[in-house]
Amino acid sequence: MDWTIVLVNFVYAVLGCSVTLFFMVAGYKLFDKITPFNTHDELAKGNQAVGIVVAAMIVGLGIAVGLVIGMGLN
């Protein structure tokens, strides 16, 4: 087994995850700026609609990270 290929794929997966996390944080901040309410405060109040939207963003992150890792292992 060639370990350089394994190492390159691992680095690719880590970098892809880092980029994905950066864009998800940027998306959350953008969502917070374009909405007329503070997302963090609404979540603290127990607003279920905002919670569902934030949960959808987290699921999107999971799918994106899974794809990046899966493609990195090929």
PDB file of N, CA and C in Angstrom:
ATOM      1  N   MET A   1       0.847  -1.177   0.000  1.00  0.00           N
ATOM      2  CA  MET A   1       0.000   0.000   0.000  1.00  0.00           C
ATOM      3  C   MET A   1       0.896   1.245   0.000  1.00  0.00           C
ATOM      4  N   ASP A   2       0.554   2.179  -0.843  1.00  0.00           N
ATOM      5  CA  ASP A   2       1.327   3.413  -0.947  1.00  0.00           C
ATOM      6  C   ASP A   2       0.777   4.428   0.060  1.00  0.00           C
ATOM      7  N   TRP A   3       1.570   4.732   1.076  1.00  0.00           N
ATOM      8  CA  TRP A   3       1.111   5.612   2.148  1.00  0.00           C
ATOM      9  C   TRP A   3       1.017   7.067   1.720  1.00  0.00           C
ATOM     10  N   THR A   4       1.686   7.455   0.663  1.00  0.00           N
ATOM     11  CA  THR A   4       1.575   8.848   0.215  1.00  0.00           C
ATOM     12  C   THR A   4       0.169   9.139  -0.303  1.00  0.00           C
ATOM     13  N   ILE A   5      -0.439   8.159  -0.944  1.00  0.00           N
ATOM     14  CA  ILE A   5      -1.807   8.345  -1.426  1.00  0.00           C
ATOM     15  C   ILE A   5      -2.764   8.477  -0.248  1.00  0.00           C
ATOM     16  N   VAL A   6      -2.557   7.660   0.765  1.00  0.00           N
ATOM     17  CA  VAL A   6      -3.398   7.729   1.965  1.00  0.00           C
ATOM     18  C   VAL A   6      -3.233   9.084   2.641  1.00  0.00           C
ATOM     19  N   LEU A   7      -2.000   9.548   2.755  1.00  0.00           N
ATOM     20  CA  LEU A   7      -1.739  10.844   3.387  1.00  0.00           C
ATOM     21  C   LEU A   7      -2.341  11.991   2.589  1.00  0.00           C
ATOM     22  N   VAL A   8      -2.201  11.957   1.285  1.00  0.00           N
ATOM     23  CA  VAL A   8      -2.779  13.012   0.449  1.00  0.00           C
ATOM     24  C   VAL A   8      -4.297  13.017   0.570  1.00  0.00           C
ATOM     25  N   ASN A   9      -4.917  11.854   0.582  1.00  0.00           N
ATOM     26  CA  ASN A   9      -6.373  11.783   0.734  1.00  0.00           C
ATOM     27  C   ASN A   9      -6.808  12.286   2.103  1.00  0.00           C
ATOM     28  N   PHE A  10      -6.041  11.969   3.135  1.00  0.00           N
ATOM     29  CA  PHE A  10      -6.373  12.452   4.476  1.00  0.00           C
ATOM     30  C   PHE A  10      -6.273  13.972   4.544  1.00  0.00           C
ATOM     31  N   VAL A  11      -5.207  14.530   3.981  1.00  0.00           N
ATOM     32  CA  VAL A  11      -5.040  15.991   3.963  1.00  0.00           C
ATOM     33  C   VAL A  11      -6.172  16.629   3.160  1.00  0.00           C
ATOM     34  N   TYR A  12      -6.544  16.014   2.053  1.00  0.00           N
ATOM     35  CA  TYR A  12      -7.650  16.529   1.245  1.00  0.00           C
ATOM     36  C   TYR A  12      -8.949  16.550   2.050  1.00  0.00           C
ATOM     37  N   ALA A  13      -9.209  15.501   2.797  1.00  0.00           N
ATOM     38  CA  ALA A  13     -10.424  15.423   3.600  1.00  0.00           C
ATOM     39  C   ALA A  13     -10.414  16.478   4.708  1.00  0.00           C
ATOM     40  N   VAL A  14      -9.277  16.659   5.379  1.00  0.00           N
ATOM     41  CA  VAL A  14      -9.193  17.648   6.458  1.00  0.00           C
ATOM     42  C   VAL A  14      -9.360  19.060   5.904  1.00  0.00           C
ATOM     43  N   LEU A  15      -8.691  19.357   4.803  1.00  0.00           N
ATOM     44  CA  LEU A  15      -8.834  20.693   4.204  1.00  0.00           C
ATOM     45  C   LEU A  15     -10.263  20.933   3.708  1.00  0.00           C
ATOM     46  N   GLY A  16     -10.860  19.913   3.113  1.00  0.00           N
ATOM     47  CA  GLY A  16     -12.243  20.045   2.653  1.00  0.00           C
ATOM     48  C   GLY A  16     -13.201  20.291   3.795  1.00  0.00           C
ATOM     49  N   CYS A  17     -13.003  19.601   4.896  1.00  0.00           N
ATOM     50  CA  CYS A  17     -13.850  19.818   6.076  1.00  0.00           C
ATOM     51  C   CYS A  17     -13.659  21.219   6.637  1.00  0.00           C
ATOM     52  N   SER A  18     -12.423  21.685   6.658  1.00  0.00           N
ATOM     53  CA  SER A  18     -12.146  23.026   7.164  1.00  0.00           C
ATOM     54  C   SER A  18     -12.819  24.094   6.301  1.00  0.00           C
ATOM     55  N   VAL A  19     -12.717  23.933   5.003  1.00  0.00           N
ATOM     56  CA  VAL A  19     -13.365  24.884   4.097  1.00  0.00           C
ATOM     57  C   VAL A  19     -14.885  24.829   4.259  1.00  0.00           C
ATOM     58  N   THR A  20     -15.421  23.622   4.405  1.00  0.00           N
ATOM     59  CA  THR A  20     -16.864  23.466   4.589  1.00  0.00           C
ATOM     60  C   THR A  20     -17.318  24.130   5.881  1.00  0.00           C
ATOM     61  N   LEU A  21     -16.583  23.927   6.966  1.00  0.00           N
ATOM     62  CA  LEU A  21     -16.936  24.567   8.237  1.00  0.00           C
ATOM     63  C   LEU A  21     -16.877  26.089   8.121  1.00  0.00           C
ATOM     64  N   PHE A  22     -15.870  26.596   7.430  1.00  0.00           N
ATOM     65  CA  PHE A  22     -15.765  28.038   7.240  1.00  0.00           C
ATOM     66  C   PHE A  22     -16.983  28.586   6.508  1.00  0.00           C
ATOM     67  N   PHE A  23     -17.377  27.915   5.424  1.00  0.00           N
ATOM     68  CA  PHE A  23     -18.521  28.400   4.656  1.00  0.00           C
ATOM     69  C   PHE A  23     -19.837  28.250   5.421  1.00  0.00           C
ATOM     70  N   MET A  24     -19.939  27.229   6.266  1.00  0.00           N
ATOM     71  CA  MET A  24     -21.160  27.090   7.060  1.00  0.00           C
ATOM     72  C   MET A  24     -21.251  28.192   8.114  1.00  0.00           C
ATOM     73  N   VAL A  25     -20.135  28.537   8.738  1.00  0.00           N
ATOM     74  CA  VAL A  25     -20.135  29.649   9.703  1.00  0.00           C
ATOM     75  C   VAL A  25     -20.446  30.956   8.986  1.00  0.00           C
ATOM     76  N   ALA A  26     -19.857  31.141   7.817  1.00  0.00           N
ATOM     77  CA  ALA A  26     -20.140  32.355   7.038  1.00  0.00           C
ATOM     78  C   ALA A  26     -21.616  32.397   6.636  1.00  0.00           C
ATOM     79  N   GLY A  27     -22.179  31.249   6.271  1.00  0.00           N
ATOM     80  CA  GLY A  27     -23.596  31.197   5.921  1.00  0.00           C
ATOM     81  C   GLY A  27     -24.491  31.504   7.103  1.00  0.00           C
ATOM     82  N   TYR A  28     -24.121  31.008   8.276  1.00  0.00           N
ATOM     83  CA  TYR A  28     -24.901  31.298   9.483  1.00  0.00           C
ATOM     84  C   TYR A  28     -24.856  32.790   9.801  1.00  0.00           C
ATOM     85  N   LYS A  29     -23.658  33.384   9.692  1.00  0.00           N
ATOM     86  CA  LYS A  29     -23.523  34.826   9.954  1.00  0.00           C
ATOM     87  C   LYS A  29     -24.322  35.637   8.926  1.00  0.00           C
ATOM     88  N   LEU A  30     -24.276  35.226   7.666  1.00  0.00           N
ATOM     89  CA  LEU A  30     -25.042  35.910   6.633  1.00  0.00           C
ATOM     90  C   LEU A  30     -26.542  35.774   6.894  1.00  0.00           C
ATOM     91  N   PHE A  31     -26.968  34.566   7.268  1.00  0.00           N
ATOM     92  CA  PHE A  31     -28.385  34.354   7.615  1.00  0.00           C
ATOM     93  C   PHE A  31     -28.785  35.261   8.769  1.00  0.00           C
ATOM     94  N   ASP A  32     -27.904  35.402   9.755  1.00  0.00           N
ATOM     95  CA  ASP A  32     -28.198  36.251  10.907  1.00  0.00           C
ATOM     96  C   ASP A  32     -28.302  37.714  10.509  1.00  0.00           C
ATOM     97  N   LYS A  33     -27.483  38.142   9.531  1.00  0.00           N
ATOM     98  CA  LYS A  33     -27.520  39.543   9.108  1.00  0.00           C
ATOM     99  C   LYS A  33     -28.730  39.880   8.235  1.00  0.00           C
ATOM    100  N   ILE A  34     -29.178  38.939   7.387  1.00  0.00           N
ATOM    101  CA  ILE A  34     -30.266  39.278   6.465  1.00  0.00           C
ATOM    102  C   ILE A  34     -31.647  39.094   7.083  1.00  0.00           C
ATOM    103  N   THR A  35     -31.731  38.444   8.222  1.00  0.00           N
ATOM    104  CA  THR A  35     -33.019  38.304   8.887  1.00  0.00           C
ATOM    105  C   THR A  35     -33.215  39.465   9.857  1.00  0.00           C
ATOM    106  N   PRO A  36     -34.466  39.864  10.077  1.00  0.00           N
ATOM    107  CA  PRO A  36     -34.703  41.023  10.952  1.00  0.00           C
ATOM    108  C   PRO A  36     -34.622  40.691  12.442  1.00  0.00           C
ATOM    109  N   PHE A  37     -34.233  39.489  12.792  1.00  0.00           N
ATOM    110  CA  PHE A  37     -34.135  39.091  14.200  1.00  0.00           C
ATOM    111  C   PHE A  37     -32.753  38.503  14.466  1.00  0.00           C
ATOM    112  N   ASN A  38     -32.406  38.421  15.742  1.00  0.00           N
ATOM    113  CA  ASN A  38     -31.127  37.831  16.136  1.00  0.00           C
ATOM    114  C   ASN A  38     -31.342  36.322  16.296  1.00  0.00           C
ATOM    115  N   THR A  39     -30.636  35.555  15.507  1.00  0.00           N
ATOM    116  CA  THR A  39     -30.822  34.105  15.492  1.00  0.00           C
ATOM    117  C   THR A  39     -30.498  33.497  16.853  1.00  0.00           C
ATOM    118  N   HIS A  40     -29.423  33.922  17.466  1.00  0.00           N
ATOM    119  CA  HIS A  40     -29.023  33.360  18.757  1.00  0.00           C
ATOM    120  C   HIS A  40     -30.086  33.625  19.827  1.00  0.00           C
ATOM    121  N   ASP A  41     -30.614  34.851  19.846  1.00  0.00           N
ATOM    122  CA  ASP A  41     -31.648  35.174  20.838  1.00  0.00           C
ATOM    123  C   ASP A  41     -32.917  34.370  20.609  1.00  0.00           C
ATOM    124  N   GLU A  42     -33.284  34.194  19.341  1.00  0.00           N
ATOM    125  CA  GLU A  42     -34.488  33.415  19.028  1.00  0.00           C
ATOM    126  C   GLU A  42     -34.315  31.941  19.416  1.00  0.00           C
ATOM    127  N   LEU A  43     -33.129  31.415  19.220  1.00  0.00           N
ATOM    128  CA  LEU A  43     -32.880  30.038  19.652  1.00  0.00           C
ATOM    129  C   LEU A  43     -32.942  29.927  21.173  1.00  0.00           C
ATOM    130  N   ALA A  44     -32.436  30.942  21.871  1.00  0.00           N
ATOM    131  CA  ALA A  44     -32.474  30.929  23.331  1.00  0.00           C
ATOM    132  C   ALA A  44     -33.914  31.015  23.854  1.00  0.00           C
ATOM    133  N   LYS A  45     -34.791  31.689  23.108  1.00  0.00           N
ATOM    134  CA  LYS A  45     -36.203  31.785  23.484  1.00  0.00           C
ATOM    135  C   LYS A  45     -36.965  30.499  23.197  1.00  0.00           C
ATOM    136  N   GLY A  46     -36.396  29.624  22.393  1.00  0.00           N
ATOM    137  CA  GLY A  46     -37.062  28.366  22.066  1.00  0.00           C
ATOM    138  C   GLY A  46     -37.882  28.433  20.784  1.00  0.00           C
ATOM    139  N   ASN A  47     -37.548  29.342  19.879  1.00  0.00           N
ATOM    140  CA  ASN A  47     -38.255  29.468  18.610  1.00  0.00           C
ATOM    141  C   ASN A  47     -37.966  28.242  17.743  1.00  0.00           C
ATOM    142  N   GLN A  48     -38.992  27.429  17.528  1.00  0.00           N
ATOM    143  CA  GLN A  48     -38.808  26.177  16.808  1.00  0.00           C
ATOM    144  C   GLN A  48     -38.533  26.392  15.320  1.00  0.00           C
ATOM    145  N   ALA A  49     -39.100  27.416  14.722  1.00  0.00           N
ATOM    146  CA  ALA A  49     -38.880  27.661  13.297  1.00  0.00           C
ATOM    147  C   ALA A  49     -37.411  27.984  13.020  1.00  0.00           C
ATOM    148  N   VAL A  50     -36.833  28.820  13.857  1.00  0.00           N
ATOM    149  CA  VAL A  50     -35.415  29.148  13.691  1.00  0.00           C
ATOM    150  C   VAL A  50     -34.569  27.907  13.975  1.00  0.00           C
ATOM    151  N   GLY A  51     -34.975  27.132  14.949  1.00  0.00           N
ATOM    152  CA  GLY A  51     -34.257  25.898  15.263  1.00  0.00           C
ATOM    153  C   GLY A  51     -34.251  24.922  14.098  1.00  0.00           C
ATOM    154  N   ILE A  52     -35.364  24.830  13.389  1.00  0.00           N
ATOM    155  CA  ILE A  52     -35.442  23.940  12.229  1.00  0.00           C
ATOM    156  C   ILE A  52     -34.512  24.425  11.122  1.00  0.00           C
ATOM    157  N   VAL A  53     -34.463  25.726  10.906  1.00  0.00           N
ATOM    158  CA  VAL A  53     -33.583  26.271   9.867  1.00  0.00           C
ATOM    159  C   VAL A  53     -32.121  26.028  10.229  1.00  0.00           C
ATOM    160  N   VAL A  54     -31.754  26.262  11.471  1.00  0.00           N
ATOM    161  CA  VAL A  54     -30.372  26.028  11.905  1.00  0.00           C
ATOM    162  C   VAL A  54     -30.052  24.533  11.834  1.00  0.00           C
ATOM    163  N   ALA A  55     -31.005  23.689  12.192  1.00  0.00           N
ATOM    164  CA  ALA A  55     -30.796  22.243  12.081  1.00  0.00           C
ATOM    165  C   ALA A  55     -30.582  21.835  10.626  1.00  0.00           C
ATOM    166  N   ALA A  56     -31.324  22.440   9.715  1.00  0.00           N
ATOM    167  CA  ALA A  56     -31.134  22.144   8.294  1.00  0.00           C
ATOM    168  C   ALA A  56     -29.736  22.558   7.837  1.00  0.00           C
ATOM    169  N   MET A  57     -29.233  23.663   8.367  1.00  0.00           N
ATOM    170  CA  MET A  57     -27.875  24.081   8.028  1.00  0.00           C
ATOM    171  C   MET A  57     -26.856  23.068   8.556  1.00  0.00           C
ATOM    172  N   ILE A  58     -27.092  22.530   9.751  1.00  0.00           N
ATOM    173  CA  ILE A  58     -26.176  21.534  10.322  1.00  0.00           C
ATOM    174  C   ILE A  58     -26.236  20.235   9.526  1.00  0.00           C
ATOM    175  N   VAL A  59     -27.429  19.827   9.100  1.00  0.00           N
ATOM    176  CA  VAL A  59     -27.555  18.626   8.273  1.00  0.00           C
ATOM    177  C   VAL A  59     -26.825  18.834   6.944  1.00  0.00           C
ATOM    178  N   GLY A  60     -26.950  20.017   6.374  1.00  0.00           N
ATOM    179  CA  GLY A  60     -26.220  20.331   5.143  1.00  0.00           C
ATOM    180  C   GLY A  60     -24.721  20.224   5.347  1.00  0.00           C
ATOM    181  N   LEU A  61     -24.255  20.676   6.503  1.00  0.00           N
ATOM    182  CA  LEU A  61     -22.833  20.542   6.824  1.00  0.00           C
ATOM    183  C   LEU A  61     -22.442  19.077   6.887  1.00  0.00           C
ATOM    184  N   GLY A  62     -23.257  18.268   7.515  1.00  0.00           N
ATOM    185  CA  GLY A  62     -22.957  16.842   7.613  1.00  0.00           C
ATOM    186  C   GLY A  62     -22.897  16.177   6.251  1.00  0.00           C
ATOM    187  N   ILE A  63     -23.808  16.523   5.389  1.00  0.00           N
ATOM    188  CA  ILE A  63     -23.810  15.945   4.041  1.00  0.00           C
ATOM    189  C   ILE A  63     -22.570  16.395   3.272  1.00  0.00           C
ATOM    190  N   ALA A  64     -22.252  17.679   3.363  1.00  0.00           N
ATOM    191  CA  ALA A  64     -21.086  18.204   2.649  1.00  0.00           C
ATOM    192  C   ALA A  64     -19.791  17.569   3.153  1.00  0.00           C
ATOM    193  N   VAL A  65     -19.659  17.465   4.464  1.00  0.00           N
ATOM    194  CA  VAL A  65     -18.445  16.871   5.029  1.00  0.00           C
ATOM    195  C   VAL A  65     -18.369  15.390   4.648  1.00  0.00           C
ATOM    196  N   GLY A  66     -19.488  14.706   4.691  1.00  0.00           N
ATOM    197  CA  GLY A  66     -19.499  13.301   4.297  1.00  0.00           C
ATOM    198  C   GLY A  66     -19.095  13.115   2.855  1.00  0.00           C
ATOM    199  N   LEU A  67     -19.548  13.984   1.989  1.00  0.00           N
ATOM    200  CA  LEU A  67     -19.155  13.893   0.582  1.00  0.00           C
ATOM    201  C   LEU A  67     -17.668  14.181   0.389  1.00  0.00           C
ATOM    202  N   VAL A  68     -17.174  15.180   1.102  1.00  0.00           N
ATOM    203  CA  VAL A  68     -15.756  15.512   0.984  1.00  0.00           C
ATOM    204  C   VAL A  68     -14.894  14.352   1.458  1.00  0.00           C
ATOM    205  N   ILE A  69     -15.232  13.775   2.596  1.00  0.00           N
ATOM    206  CA  ILE A  69     -14.459  12.646   3.105  1.00  0.00           C
ATOM    207  C   ILE A  69     -14.601  11.452   2.195  1.00  0.00           C
ATOM    208  N   GLY A  70     -15.795  11.187   1.726  1.00  0.00           N
ATOM    209  CA  GLY A  70     -16.009  10.053   0.827  1.00  0.00           C
ATOM    210  C   GLY A  70     -15.248  10.192  -0.472  1.00  0.00           C
ATOM    211  N   MET A  71     -15.230  11.397  -1.028  1.00  0.00           N
ATOM    212  CA  MET A  71     -14.482  11.605  -2.266  1.00  0.00           C
ATOM    213  C   MET A  71     -12.979  11.566  -2.005  1.00  0.00           C
ATOM    214  N   GLY A  72     -12.583  11.991  -0.796  1.00  0.00           N
ATOM    215  CA  GLY A  72     -11.170  11.951  -0.472  1.00  0.00           C
ATOM    216  C   GLY A  72     -10.635  10.552  -0.289  1.00  0.00           C
ATOM    217  N   LEU A  73     -11.490   9.620   0.065  1.00  0.00           N
ATOM    218  CA  LEU A  73     -11.046   8.248   0.285  1.00  0.00           C
ATOM    219  C   LEU A  73     -11.055   7.415  -0.986  1.00  0.00           C
ATOM    220  N   ASN A  74     -11.537   7.974  -2.079  1.00  0.00           N
ATOM    221  CA  ASN A  74     -11.551   7.217  -3.351  1.00  0.00           C
ATOM    222  C   ASN A  74     -10.208   7.238  -4.007  1.00  0.00           C
TER     223      ASN A  74
END
